[in-house]
Amino acid sequence: EKLVNIFKNLPGNIFCTTSEDYMKMDYISEDLVELLGYSRSELFELYNGSISRLMVDISATDIQEMIEENISKDKEIKITYKLKTKRGKIMSVEDNRKIIKRADGGISTVAKYTVV
């Protein structure tokens, strides 16, 4: 909840994960909602907050493994992949993530998309 409040007012295409599924959004910025063309409720109700359901030409498992590998090395994460918007447009995005270690011992990620 603290993490959501911090990022709520930041500009940009941002989403946060706070679970072990690094492709499941727990928070998504208004800018990213607009970029993808879906409503917030569509993303969370129809797609269960899973950004992987919008991905094209790469498996969510591959992305998850790349993220976990970089988390174990305590590195920032940069991955480029394609997403399909609600209107059917395919766009390449660079997923830049920061790893945040929570007080409860869990790991969260904060991702910022740049359209490439």
N, C-alpha and C. Protein backbone atom coordinates (compact mmCIF):
# COMPACT_ATOMS: atom_id res chain seq x y z
N GLU A 1 0.82 -1.19 0.00
CA GLU A 1 0.00 0.00 0.00
C GLU A 1 0.87 1.26 0.00
N LYS A 2 1.94 1.24 0.78
CA LYS A 2 2.86 2.37 0.80
C LYS A 2 3.47 2.60 -0.59
N LEU A 3 3.83 1.49 -1.23
CA LEU A 3 4.42 1.54 -2.57
C LEU A 3 3.45 2.17 -3.56
N VAL A 4 2.18 1.79 -3.48
CA VAL A 4 1.17 2.34 -4.38
C VAL A 4 1.05 3.85 -4.18
N ASN A 5 1.04 4.29 -2.93
CA ASN A 5 0.93 5.73 -2.65
C ASN A 5 2.11 6.51 -3.19
N ILE A 6 3.30 5.93 -3.12
CA ILE A 6 4.49 6.59 -3.64
C ILE A 6 4.40 6.81 -5.15
N PHE A 7 3.93 5.79 -5.86
CA PHE A 7 3.93 5.85 -7.32
C PHE A 7 2.65 6.38 -7.93
N LYS A 8 1.65 6.61 -7.12
CA LYS A 8 0.34 7.03 -7.62
C LYS A 8 0.41 8.31 -8.46
N ASN A 9 1.22 9.25 -8.06
CA ASN A 9 1.25 10.54 -8.73
C ASN A 9 2.44 10.73 -9.66
N LEU A 10 3.25 9.71 -9.85
CA LEU A 10 4.38 9.83 -10.77
C LEU A 10 3.89 9.73 -12.21
N PRO A 11 4.42 10.58 -13.08
CA PRO A 11 4.06 10.47 -14.49
C PRO A 11 4.79 9.29 -15.13
N GLY A 12 4.23 8.79 -16.19
CA GLY A 12 4.90 7.73 -16.93
C GLY A 12 4.11 6.44 -16.92
N ASN A 13 4.59 5.50 -17.71
CA ASN A 13 3.96 4.20 -17.87
C ASN A 13 4.52 3.24 -16.84
N ILE A 14 3.92 3.22 -15.67
CA ILE A 14 4.46 2.50 -14.52
C ILE A 14 3.48 1.45 -14.03
N PHE A 15 4.03 0.28 -13.64
CA PHE A 15 3.23 -0.67 -12.88
C PHE A 15 4.10 -1.31 -11.81
N CYS A 16 3.44 -1.78 -10.77
CA CYS A 16 4.13 -2.40 -9.64
C CYS A 16 3.62 -3.82 -9.44
N THR A 17 4.52 -4.67 -9.01
CA THR A 17 4.15 -6.02 -8.62
C THR A 17 4.57 -6.22 -7.17
N THR A 18 3.76 -6.93 -6.44
CA THR A 18 4.11 -7.20 -5.04
C THR A 18 3.87 -8.67 -4.71
N SER A 19 3.90 -9.49 -5.71
CA SER A 19 3.71 -10.92 -5.49
C SER A 19 4.86 -11.67 -6.14
N GLU A 20 4.83 -12.95 -6.07
CA GLU A 20 5.87 -13.75 -6.71
C GLU A 20 5.68 -13.86 -8.22
N ASP A 21 4.56 -13.39 -8.72
CA ASP A 21 4.33 -13.36 -10.16
C ASP A 21 4.69 -11.97 -10.65
N TYR A 22 5.87 -11.82 -11.21
CA TYR A 22 6.38 -10.51 -11.59
C TYR A 22 5.71 -9.94 -12.84
N MET A 23 4.75 -10.66 -13.40
CA MET A 23 3.99 -10.16 -14.54
C MET A 23 2.57 -9.77 -14.15
N LYS A 24 2.23 -9.94 -12.88
CA LYS A 24 0.89 -9.59 -12.40
C LYS A 24 0.95 -8.22 -11.71
N MET A 25 0.24 -7.29 -12.30
CA MET A 25 0.24 -5.93 -11.79
C MET A 25 -0.63 -5.82 -10.55
N ASP A 26 -0.09 -5.17 -9.54
CA ASP A 26 -0.88 -4.84 -8.36
C ASP A 26 -1.29 -3.37 -8.43
N TYR A 27 -0.55 -2.60 -9.18
CA TYR A 27 -0.85 -1.20 -9.41
C TYR A 27 -0.43 -0.86 -10.84
N ILE A 28 -1.22 0.00 -11.49
CA ILE A 28 -0.87 0.47 -12.83
C ILE A 28 -1.18 1.97 -12.90
N SER A 29 -0.26 2.73 -13.46
CA SER A 29 -0.46 4.19 -13.56
C SER A 29 -1.52 4.50 -14.61
N GLU A 30 -2.12 5.67 -14.45
CA GLU A 30 -3.12 6.13 -15.41
C GLU A 30 -2.51 6.28 -16.80
N ASP A 31 -1.25 6.71 -16.88
CA ASP A 31 -0.58 6.86 -18.18
C ASP A 31 -0.48 5.51 -18.90
N LEU A 32 -0.18 4.45 -18.17
CA LEU A 32 -0.07 3.13 -18.80
C LEU A 32 -1.44 2.60 -19.19
N VAL A 33 -2.46 2.87 -18.38
CA VAL A 33 -3.83 2.48 -18.73
C VAL A 33 -4.19 3.10 -20.07
N GLU A 34 -3.89 4.39 -20.22
CA GLU A 34 -4.20 5.10 -21.47
C GLU A 34 -3.39 4.56 -22.64
N LEU A 35 -2.10 4.28 -22.43
CA LEU A 35 -1.25 3.76 -23.50
C LEU A 35 -1.79 2.42 -24.03
N LEU A 36 -2.21 1.55 -23.13
CA LEU A 36 -2.70 0.23 -23.53
C LEU A 36 -4.11 0.28 -24.10
N GLY A 37 -4.87 1.31 -23.76
CA GLY A 37 -6.22 1.47 -24.31
C GLY A 37 -7.30 0.70 -23.57
N TYR A 38 -6.94 -0.03 -22.56
CA TYR A 38 -7.92 -0.77 -21.76
C TYR A 38 -8.33 0.09 -20.58
N SER A 39 -9.50 -0.18 -20.03
CA SER A 39 -9.86 0.48 -18.79
C SER A 39 -9.16 -0.28 -17.65
N ARG A 40 -9.05 0.38 -16.52
CA ARG A 40 -8.45 -0.25 -15.35
C ARG A 40 -9.23 -1.53 -14.99
N SER A 41 -10.55 -1.47 -15.04
CA SER A 41 -11.35 -2.65 -14.69
C SER A 41 -11.14 -3.79 -15.69
N GLU A 42 -10.99 -3.47 -16.98
CA GLU A 42 -10.70 -4.53 -17.96
C GLU A 42 -9.38 -5.22 -17.63
N LEU A 43 -8.37 -4.43 -17.32
CA LEU A 43 -7.06 -5.02 -17.03
C LEU A 43 -7.10 -5.91 -15.80
N PHE A 44 -7.84 -5.51 -14.78
CA PHE A 44 -7.85 -6.29 -13.54
C PHE A 44 -8.94 -7.34 -13.48
N GLU A 45 -10.07 -7.11 -14.14
CA GLU A 45 -11.15 -8.08 -14.10
C GLU A 45 -11.05 -9.11 -15.23
N LEU A 46 -10.82 -8.64 -16.45
CA LEU A 46 -10.75 -9.57 -17.59
C LEU A 46 -9.39 -10.26 -17.70
N TYR A 47 -8.33 -9.52 -17.38
CA TYR A 47 -6.98 -10.06 -17.54
C TYR A 47 -6.30 -10.37 -16.21
N ASN A 48 -7.03 -10.23 -15.12
CA ASN A 48 -6.51 -10.54 -13.78
C ASN A 48 -5.21 -9.77 -13.47
N GLY A 49 -5.06 -8.60 -14.07
CA GLY A 49 -3.87 -7.79 -13.82
C GLY A 49 -2.60 -8.33 -14.44
N SER A 50 -2.73 -9.32 -15.31
CA SER A 50 -1.54 -9.98 -15.87
C SER A 50 -1.10 -9.32 -17.18
N ILE A 51 0.03 -8.65 -17.13
CA ILE A 51 0.58 -8.01 -18.32
C ILE A 51 0.97 -9.08 -19.35
N SER A 52 1.25 -10.28 -18.89
CA SER A 52 1.65 -11.37 -19.80
C SER A 52 0.55 -11.73 -20.79
N ARG A 53 -0.70 -11.46 -20.45
CA ARG A 53 -1.81 -11.78 -21.35
C ARG A 53 -1.88 -10.82 -22.52
N LEU A 54 -1.09 -9.75 -22.47
CA LEU A 54 -1.04 -8.77 -23.56
C LEU A 54 0.24 -8.92 -24.39
N MET A 55 1.11 -9.82 -23.98
CA MET A 55 2.41 -9.98 -24.64
C MET A 55 2.30 -10.75 -25.94
N VAL A 56 3.18 -10.41 -26.89
CA VAL A 56 3.21 -11.03 -28.20
C VAL A 56 4.63 -11.57 -28.44
N ASP A 57 4.75 -12.73 -29.03
CA ASP A 57 6.03 -13.30 -29.47
C ASP A 57 7.03 -13.65 -28.37
N ILE A 58 6.60 -13.75 -27.13
CA ILE A 58 7.49 -14.19 -26.07
C ILE A 58 6.60 -14.76 -24.96
N SER A 59 7.12 -15.75 -24.28
CA SER A 59 6.31 -16.35 -23.23
C SER A 59 6.53 -15.63 -21.90
N ALA A 60 5.51 -15.59 -21.11
CA ALA A 60 5.61 -14.99 -19.78
C ALA A 60 6.62 -15.74 -18.93
N THR A 61 6.74 -17.03 -19.16
CA THR A 61 7.72 -17.84 -18.41
C THR A 61 9.13 -17.36 -18.70
N ASP A 62 9.43 -17.06 -19.95
CA ASP A 62 10.76 -16.54 -20.31
C ASP A 62 11.05 -15.23 -19.60
N ILE A 63 10.08 -14.34 -19.59
CA ILE A 63 10.25 -13.04 -18.92
C ILE A 63 10.43 -13.26 -17.42
N GLN A 64 9.59 -14.11 -16.84
CA GLN A 64 9.67 -14.40 -15.41
C GLN A 64 11.07 -14.92 -15.05
N GLU A 65 11.60 -15.82 -15.86
CA GLU A 65 12.94 -16.37 -15.61
C GLU A 65 14.01 -15.29 -15.70
N MET A 66 13.90 -14.39 -16.69
CA MET A 66 14.88 -13.30 -16.82
C MET A 66 14.83 -12.39 -15.58
N ILE A 67 13.64 -12.11 -15.13
CA ILE A 67 13.49 -11.25 -13.94
C ILE A 67 14.09 -11.94 -12.72
N GLU A 68 13.76 -13.21 -12.52
CA GLU A 68 14.27 -13.93 -11.35
C GLU A 68 15.79 -14.03 -11.38
N GLU A 69 16.37 -14.22 -12.57
CA GLU A 69 17.83 -14.29 -12.70
C GLU A 69 18.47 -12.96 -12.27
N ASN A 70 17.88 -11.86 -12.71
CA ASN A 70 18.42 -10.55 -12.35
C ASN A 70 18.18 -10.20 -10.89
N ILE A 71 17.08 -10.66 -10.34
CA ILE A 71 16.81 -10.42 -8.91
C ILE A 71 17.87 -11.12 -8.08
N SER A 72 18.22 -12.33 -8.46
CA SER A 72 19.23 -13.07 -7.69
C SER A 72 20.60 -12.39 -7.77
N LYS A 73 20.84 -11.62 -8.82
CA LYS A 73 22.10 -10.89 -8.98
C LYS A 73 21.99 -9.46 -8.44
N ASP A 74 20.79 -9.11 -7.94
CA ASP A 74 20.52 -7.79 -7.39
C ASP A 74 20.79 -6.68 -8.41
N LYS A 75 20.38 -6.93 -9.66
CA LYS A 75 20.59 -5.97 -10.75
C LYS A 75 19.27 -5.34 -11.15
N GLU A 76 19.39 -4.17 -11.79
CA GLU A 76 18.23 -3.58 -12.43
C GLU A 76 17.89 -4.46 -13.62
N ILE A 77 16.64 -4.44 -14.02
CA ILE A 77 16.18 -5.32 -15.08
C ILE A 77 15.73 -4.48 -16.27
N LYS A 78 16.22 -4.83 -17.46
CA LYS A 78 15.78 -4.19 -18.71
C LYS A 78 15.48 -5.29 -19.70
N ILE A 79 14.22 -5.35 -20.13
CA ILE A 79 13.79 -6.37 -21.08
C ILE A 79 12.92 -5.68 -22.13
N THR A 80 13.12 -6.03 -23.38
CA THR A 80 12.27 -5.48 -24.44
C THR A 80 11.37 -6.59 -24.98
N TYR A 81 10.10 -6.28 -25.09
CA TYR A 81 9.14 -7.23 -25.67
C TYR A 81 7.99 -6.45 -26.27
N LYS A 82 7.05 -7.19 -26.90
CA LYS A 82 5.93 -6.55 -27.58
C LYS A 82 4.64 -6.78 -26.81
N LEU A 83 3.80 -5.74 -26.83
CA LEU A 83 2.47 -5.80 -26.22
C LEU A 83 1.42 -5.46 -27.27
N LYS A 84 0.25 -6.03 -27.11
CA LYS A 84 -0.87 -5.72 -28.00
C LYS A 84 -1.85 -4.83 -27.24
N THR A 85 -2.15 -3.67 -27.82
CA THR A 85 -3.10 -2.76 -27.20
C THR A 85 -4.53 -3.23 -27.48
N LYS A 86 -5.48 -2.59 -26.83
CA LYS A 86 -6.89 -2.94 -27.03
C LYS A 86 -7.30 -2.75 -28.49
N ARG A 87 -6.74 -1.76 -29.15
CA ARG A 87 -7.08 -1.49 -30.55
C ARG A 87 -6.37 -2.43 -31.52
N GLY A 88 -5.54 -3.34 -30.99
CA GLY A 88 -4.85 -4.30 -31.84
C GLY A 88 -3.47 -3.88 -32.29
N LYS A 89 -3.04 -2.70 -31.91
CA LYS A 89 -1.71 -2.21 -32.28
C LYS A 89 -0.66 -3.01 -31.50
N ILE A 90 0.39 -3.41 -32.20
CA ILE A 90 1.51 -4.10 -31.55
C ILE A 90 2.60 -3.06 -31.32
N MET A 91 3.05 -2.93 -30.08
CA MET A 91 4.11 -1.97 -29.79
C MET A 91 5.22 -2.64 -29.00
N SER A 92 6.45 -2.22 -29.30
CA SER A 92 7.61 -2.70 -28.55
C SER A 92 7.80 -1.80 -27.36
N VAL A 93 8.03 -2.42 -26.21
CA VAL A 93 8.28 -1.66 -24.99
C VAL A 93 9.55 -2.16 -24.33
N GLU A 94 10.25 -1.24 -23.68
CA GLU A 94 11.37 -1.62 -22.85
C GLU A 94 10.87 -1.57 -21.41
N ASP A 95 10.94 -2.69 -20.75
CA ASP A 95 10.50 -2.86 -19.38
C ASP A 95 11.72 -2.63 -18.49
N ASN A 96 11.76 -1.49 -17.82
CA ASN A 96 12.86 -1.15 -16.91
C ASN A 96 12.35 -1.34 -15.49
N ARG A 97 12.93 -2.28 -14.77
CA ARG A 97 12.44 -2.58 -13.42
C ARG A 97 13.47 -2.33 -12.35
N LYS A 98 12.96 -1.90 -11.23
CA LYS A 98 13.75 -1.78 -10.01
C LYS A 98 13.22 -2.83 -9.05
N ILE A 99 14.13 -3.42 -8.32
CA ILE A 99 13.79 -4.43 -7.33
C ILE A 99 13.70 -3.76 -5.97
N ILE A 100 12.64 -4.05 -5.26
CA ILE A 100 12.45 -3.49 -3.93
C ILE A 100 12.26 -4.64 -2.96
N LYS A 101 13.14 -4.73 -1.97
CA LYS A 101 13.02 -5.76 -0.94
C LYS A 101 12.17 -5.20 0.18
N ARG A 102 11.05 -5.88 0.44
CA ARG A 102 10.11 -5.42 1.45
C ARG A 102 10.53 -5.84 2.85
N ALA A 103 10.00 -5.16 3.84
CA ALA A 103 10.30 -5.43 5.24
C ALA A 103 9.89 -6.85 5.64
N ASP A 104 8.86 -7.38 4.98
CA ASP A 104 8.40 -8.74 5.32
C ASP A 104 9.24 -9.83 4.65
N GLY A 105 10.31 -9.42 3.95
CA GLY A 105 11.19 -10.39 3.30
C GLY A 105 10.83 -10.68 1.85
N GLY A 106 9.67 -10.21 1.42
CA GLY A 106 9.25 -10.43 0.04
C GLY A 106 9.92 -9.45 -0.90
N ILE A 107 9.64 -9.63 -2.18
CA ILE A 107 10.23 -8.78 -3.21
C ILE A 107 9.11 -8.17 -4.04
N SER A 108 9.22 -6.90 -4.30
CA SER A 108 8.33 -6.19 -5.21
C SER A 108 9.17 -5.67 -6.37
N THR A 109 8.52 -5.40 -7.47
CA THR A 109 9.22 -4.74 -8.58
C THR A 109 8.39 -3.54 -9.00
N VAL A 110 9.08 -2.53 -9.46
CA VAL A 110 8.45 -1.35 -10.05
C VAL A 110 8.97 -1.27 -11.47
N ALA A 111 8.04 -1.30 -12.43
CA ALA A 111 8.43 -1.29 -13.84
C ALA A 111 7.97 0.00 -14.49
N LYS A 112 8.84 0.53 -15.34
CA LYS A 112 8.49 1.69 -16.17
C LYS A 112 8.69 1.30 -17.62
N TYR A 113 7.64 1.48 -18.40
CA TYR A 113 7.72 1.17 -19.83
C TYR A 113 8.14 2.38 -20.63
N THR A 114 9.01 2.13 -21.59
CA THR A 114 9.35 3.11 -22.60
C THR A 114 9.00 2.48 -23.92
N VAL A 115 8.22 3.16 -24.74
CA VAL A 115 7.88 2.64 -26.06
C VAL A 115 9.09 2.82 -26.94
N VAL A 116 9.52 1.72 -27.59
CA VAL A 116 10.70 1.77 -28.45
C VAL A 116 10.34 1.53 -29.90
